[in-house]
Amino acid sequence: MPAATPFQKEELAKLPEGKISKVAQQQKIYYVYPDRSHKLLYVGREEQYQLYQRILQDEQGFNQDKQAFQDTRALKDAEEGRMNGWDLEW
């Protein structure tokens, strides 16, 4: 949602940068994320927020698995190098 009016721009400026905030308006809960550089406010409901949380968890799990694979591969490469007469520890 664009912040078009002076009031909307003022409200946008009050939100913490880089953080999703939970906001109640007209007895409804919204999750909002400010993008001050583009004068936008990203708005979602509970369903969108839960989806975002699941995506974050999946991404964190993927990154952990990727790092574990890279660590294991690096150790294996170093061990294979030593077995072949190479000292890969610089």
N, C-alpha and C. Protein backbone atom coordinates (compact mmCIF):
# COMPACT_ATOMS: atom_id res chain seq x y z
N MET A 1 0.84 -1.16 0.00
CA MET A 1 0.00 0.00 0.00
C MET A 1 0.89 1.23 0.00
N PRO A 2 0.70 2.15 -0.91
CA PRO A 2 1.50 3.37 -0.92
C PRO A 2 1.06 4.33 0.19
N ALA A 3 2.03 5.01 0.75
CA ALA A 3 1.73 6.06 1.73
C ALA A 3 1.57 7.36 0.94
N ALA A 4 0.34 7.75 0.73
CA ALA A 4 0.06 8.89 -0.14
C ALA A 4 -0.24 10.17 0.64
N THR A 5 -0.96 10.04 1.74
CA THR A 5 -1.35 11.24 2.48
C THR A 5 -0.29 11.59 3.52
N PRO A 6 -0.28 12.83 4.00
CA PRO A 6 0.67 13.19 5.07
C PRO A 6 0.51 12.32 6.32
N PHE A 7 -0.73 11.97 6.66
CA PHE A 7 -0.96 11.10 7.81
C PHE A 7 -0.34 9.72 7.59
N GLN A 8 -0.54 9.16 6.42
CA GLN A 8 0.03 7.84 6.11
C GLN A 8 1.55 7.88 6.16
N LYS A 9 2.13 8.94 5.62
CA LYS A 9 3.59 9.07 5.65
C LYS A 9 4.11 9.20 7.07
N GLU A 10 3.37 9.90 7.91
CA GLU A 10 3.74 10.04 9.31
C GLU A 10 3.67 8.70 10.03
N GLU A 11 2.61 7.95 9.78
CA GLU A 11 2.45 6.63 10.39
C GLU A 11 3.55 5.67 9.90
N LEU A 12 3.88 5.73 8.63
CA LEU A 12 4.94 4.90 8.07
C LEU A 12 6.27 5.17 8.76
N ALA A 13 6.53 6.44 9.04
CA ALA A 13 7.79 6.83 9.69
C ALA A 13 7.88 6.32 11.12
N LYS A 14 6.75 6.07 11.77
CA LYS A 14 6.75 5.61 13.17
C LYS A 14 7.09 4.13 13.31
N LEU A 15 6.90 3.35 12.25
CA LEU A 15 7.14 1.91 12.33
C LEU A 15 8.62 1.60 12.34
N PRO A 16 9.03 0.58 13.10
CA PRO A 16 10.45 0.21 13.13
C PRO A 16 10.93 -0.32 11.79
N GLU A 17 12.05 0.18 11.32
CA GLU A 17 12.62 -0.22 10.03
C GLU A 17 13.11 -1.67 10.10
N GLY A 18 12.84 -2.43 9.03
CA GLY A 18 13.34 -3.80 8.93
C GLY A 18 12.64 -4.79 9.83
N LYS A 19 11.45 -4.45 10.31
CA LYS A 19 10.74 -5.33 11.25
C LYS A 19 9.26 -5.37 10.89
N ILE A 20 8.67 -6.56 11.03
CA ILE A 20 7.24 -6.70 10.86
C ILE A 20 6.57 -6.33 12.17
N SER A 21 5.56 -5.49 12.09
CA SER A 21 4.83 -5.06 13.27
C SER A 21 3.39 -5.56 13.21
N LYS A 22 2.87 -5.91 14.36
CA LYS A 22 1.49 -6.34 14.48
C LYS A 22 0.66 -5.11 14.83
N VAL A 23 -0.36 -4.83 14.02
CA VAL A 23 -1.16 -3.62 14.18
C VAL A 23 -2.64 -4.00 14.22
N ALA A 24 -3.36 -3.42 15.17
CA ALA A 24 -4.81 -3.62 15.24
C ALA A 24 -5.49 -2.38 14.67
N GLN A 25 -6.43 -2.62 13.76
CA GLN A 25 -7.17 -1.52 13.17
C GLN A 25 -8.59 -1.99 12.89
N GLN A 26 -9.56 -1.26 13.42
CA GLN A 26 -10.97 -1.60 13.25
C GLN A 26 -11.24 -3.04 13.68
N GLN A 27 -10.72 -3.42 14.83
CA GLN A 27 -10.89 -4.74 15.44
C GLN A 27 -10.35 -5.88 14.57
N LYS A 28 -9.42 -5.57 13.69
CA LYS A 28 -8.75 -6.58 12.88
C LYS A 28 -7.25 -6.46 13.09
N ILE A 29 -6.56 -7.59 13.00
CA ILE A 29 -5.12 -7.62 13.17
C ILE A 29 -4.46 -7.68 11.80
N TYR A 30 -3.46 -6.83 11.62
CA TYR A 30 -2.67 -6.80 10.39
C TYR A 30 -1.20 -6.88 10.76
N TYR A 31 -0.42 -7.41 9.85
CA TYR A 31 1.03 -7.45 9.99
C TYR A 31 1.58 -6.53 8.91
N VAL A 32 2.40 -5.57 9.33
CA VAL A 32 2.86 -4.54 8.40
C VAL A 32 4.38 -4.44 8.42
N TYR A 33 4.92 -4.15 7.25
CA TYR A 33 6.36 -3.98 7.08
C TYR A 33 6.60 -2.71 6.28
N PRO A 34 7.32 -1.74 6.86
CA PRO A 34 7.53 -0.47 6.16
C PRO A 34 8.68 -0.53 5.16
N ASP A 35 8.48 0.09 4.03
CA ASP A 35 9.53 0.29 3.02
C ASP A 35 9.59 1.79 2.78
N ARG A 36 10.37 2.46 3.61
CA ARG A 36 10.41 3.92 3.56
C ARG A 36 11.02 4.45 2.27
N SER A 37 11.99 3.74 1.73
CA SER A 37 12.65 4.25 0.52
C SER A 37 11.68 4.33 -0.66
N HIS A 38 10.67 3.46 -0.67
CA HIS A 38 9.67 3.47 -1.73
C HIS A 38 8.32 4.03 -1.26
N LYS A 39 8.29 4.47 0.00
CA LYS A 39 7.06 5.01 0.61
C LYS A 39 5.90 4.02 0.50
N LEU A 40 6.21 2.76 0.86
CA LEU A 40 5.22 1.69 0.80
C LEU A 40 5.09 1.02 2.16
N LEU A 41 3.94 0.41 2.35
CA LEU A 41 3.70 -0.39 3.53
C LEU A 41 3.16 -1.74 3.03
N TYR A 42 3.89 -2.80 3.33
CA TYR A 42 3.43 -4.14 2.97
C TYR A 42 2.51 -4.62 4.09
N VAL A 43 1.32 -5.07 3.73
CA VAL A 43 0.30 -5.43 4.70
C VAL A 43 -0.19 -6.83 4.44
N GLY A 44 -0.32 -7.61 5.51
CA GLY A 44 -0.88 -8.95 5.40
C GLY A 44 -1.71 -9.27 6.62
N ARG A 45 -2.46 -10.34 6.51
CA ARG A 45 -3.26 -10.85 7.63
C ARG A 45 -2.53 -12.03 8.25
N GLU A 46 -3.17 -12.68 9.18
CA GLU A 46 -2.57 -13.80 9.91
C GLU A 46 -2.10 -14.90 8.95
N GLU A 47 -2.88 -15.21 7.93
CA GLU A 47 -2.52 -16.29 7.00
C GLU A 47 -1.21 -15.98 6.28
N GLN A 48 -1.06 -14.75 5.82
CA GLN A 48 0.16 -14.36 5.11
C GLN A 48 1.36 -14.35 6.05
N TYR A 49 1.13 -13.91 7.28
CA TYR A 49 2.23 -13.89 8.26
C TYR A 49 2.70 -15.31 8.58
N GLN A 50 1.76 -16.23 8.76
CA GLN A 50 2.14 -17.62 9.05
C GLN A 50 2.89 -18.24 7.87
N LEU A 51 2.46 -17.95 6.66
CA LEU A 51 3.17 -18.43 5.48
C LEU A 51 4.60 -17.88 5.45
N TYR A 52 4.75 -16.60 5.73
CA TYR A 52 6.07 -15.97 5.79
C TYR A 52 6.95 -16.68 6.83
N GLN A 53 6.40 -16.98 8.01
CA GLN A 53 7.16 -17.66 9.05
C GLN A 53 7.61 -19.05 8.59
N ARG A 54 6.72 -19.78 7.90
CA ARG A 54 7.09 -21.12 7.38
C ARG A 54 8.20 -21.01 6.35
N ILE A 55 8.12 -20.01 5.48
CA ILE A 55 9.17 -19.82 4.48
C ILE A 55 10.50 -19.53 5.14
N LEU A 56 10.50 -18.69 6.17
CA LEU A 56 11.73 -18.40 6.90
C LEU A 56 12.32 -19.65 7.52
N GLN A 57 11.48 -20.47 8.14
CA GLN A 57 11.96 -21.70 8.76
C GLN A 57 12.55 -22.65 7.72
N ASP A 58 11.87 -22.78 6.59
CA ASP A 58 12.38 -23.64 5.52
C ASP A 58 13.72 -23.14 5.01
N GLU A 59 13.84 -21.82 4.86
CA GLU A 59 15.08 -21.24 4.37
C GLU A 59 16.21 -21.45 5.37
N GLN A 60 15.93 -21.28 6.65
CA GLN A 60 16.95 -21.48 7.67
C GLN A 60 17.40 -22.94 7.70
N GLY A 61 16.44 -23.86 7.59
CA GLY A 61 16.78 -25.28 7.56
C GLY A 61 17.62 -25.62 6.35
N PHE A 62 17.26 -25.06 5.19
CA PHE A 62 18.03 -25.28 3.97
C PHE A 62 19.45 -24.77 4.13
N ASN A 63 19.62 -23.58 4.67
CA ASN A 63 20.95 -23.01 4.84
C ASN A 63 21.79 -23.82 5.81
N GLN A 64 21.16 -24.34 6.88
CA GLN A 64 21.90 -25.19 7.82
C GLN A 64 22.33 -26.49 7.15
N ASP A 65 21.42 -27.09 6.38
CA ASP A 65 21.77 -28.32 5.67
C ASP A 65 22.88 -28.08 4.66
N LYS A 66 22.80 -26.96 3.96
CA LYS A 66 23.81 -26.62 2.95
C LYS A 66 25.17 -26.44 3.62
N GLN A 67 25.21 -25.73 4.75
CA GLN A 67 26.48 -25.51 5.45
C GLN A 67 27.05 -26.83 5.96
N ALA A 68 26.21 -27.69 6.50
CA ALA A 68 26.67 -29.00 6.99
C ALA A 68 27.25 -29.82 5.84
N PHE A 69 26.59 -29.80 4.67
CA PHE A 69 27.09 -30.51 3.51
C PHE A 69 28.45 -29.95 3.08
N GLN A 70 28.57 -28.63 3.04
CA GLN A 70 29.83 -28.01 2.63
C GLN A 70 30.95 -28.34 3.60
N ASP A 71 30.65 -28.33 4.90
CA ASP A 71 31.65 -28.67 5.91
C ASP A 71 32.10 -30.12 5.75
N THR A 72 31.13 -31.02 5.57
CA THR A 72 31.44 -32.44 5.40
C THR A 72 32.27 -32.66 4.14
N ARG A 73 31.88 -31.98 3.07
CA ARG A 73 32.60 -32.12 1.80
C ARG A 73 34.02 -31.59 1.92
N ALA A 74 34.21 -30.49 2.60
CA ALA A 74 35.55 -29.92 2.78
C ALA A 74 36.43 -30.87 3.58
N LEU A 75 35.88 -31.48 4.63
CA LEU A 75 36.65 -32.45 5.42
C LEU A 75 37.01 -33.67 4.59
N LYS A 76 36.05 -34.14 3.80
CA LYS A 76 36.29 -35.30 2.95
C LYS A 76 37.37 -34.98 1.91
N ASP A 77 37.28 -33.80 1.29
CA ASP A 77 38.30 -33.40 0.30
C ASP A 77 39.68 -33.32 0.93
N ALA A 78 39.75 -32.77 2.14
CA ALA A 78 41.04 -32.65 2.81
C ALA A 78 41.60 -34.03 3.14
N GLU A 79 40.75 -34.93 3.61
CA GLU A 79 41.19 -36.28 3.94
C GLU A 79 41.64 -37.02 2.68
N GLU A 80 40.90 -36.90 1.59
CA GLU A 80 41.29 -37.55 0.34
C GLU A 80 42.61 -36.99 -0.17
N GLY A 81 42.82 -35.70 0.01
CA GLY A 81 44.07 -35.09 -0.41
C GLY A 81 45.25 -35.63 0.38
N ARG A 82 45.09 -35.80 1.69
CA ARG A 82 46.17 -36.35 2.51
C ARG A 82 46.47 -37.79 2.12
N MET A 83 45.40 -38.54 1.79
CA MET A 83 45.60 -39.94 1.41
C MET A 83 46.34 -40.03 0.08
N ASN A 84 46.22 -39.02 -0.75
CA ASN A 84 46.88 -39.03 -2.06
C ASN A 84 48.21 -38.29 -2.03
N GLY A 85 48.71 -38.00 -0.83
CA GLY A 85 50.02 -37.36 -0.72
C GLY A 85 49.98 -35.85 -0.77
N TRP A 86 48.83 -35.27 -0.75
CA TRP A 86 48.71 -33.80 -0.76
C TRP A 86 48.39 -33.32 0.65
N ASP A 87 49.03 -32.27 1.06
CA ASP A 87 48.68 -31.65 2.34
C ASP A 87 47.86 -30.41 2.01
N LEU A 88 46.55 -30.50 2.19
CA LEU A 88 45.67 -29.40 1.82
C LEU A 88 45.50 -28.36 2.91
N GLU A 89 46.10 -28.56 4.05
CA GLU A 89 46.04 -27.54 5.10
C GLU A 89 47.13 -26.52 4.83
N TRP A 90 46.77 -25.36 4.43
CA TRP A 90 47.74 -24.35 4.01
C TRP A 90 48.29 -23.70 5.20
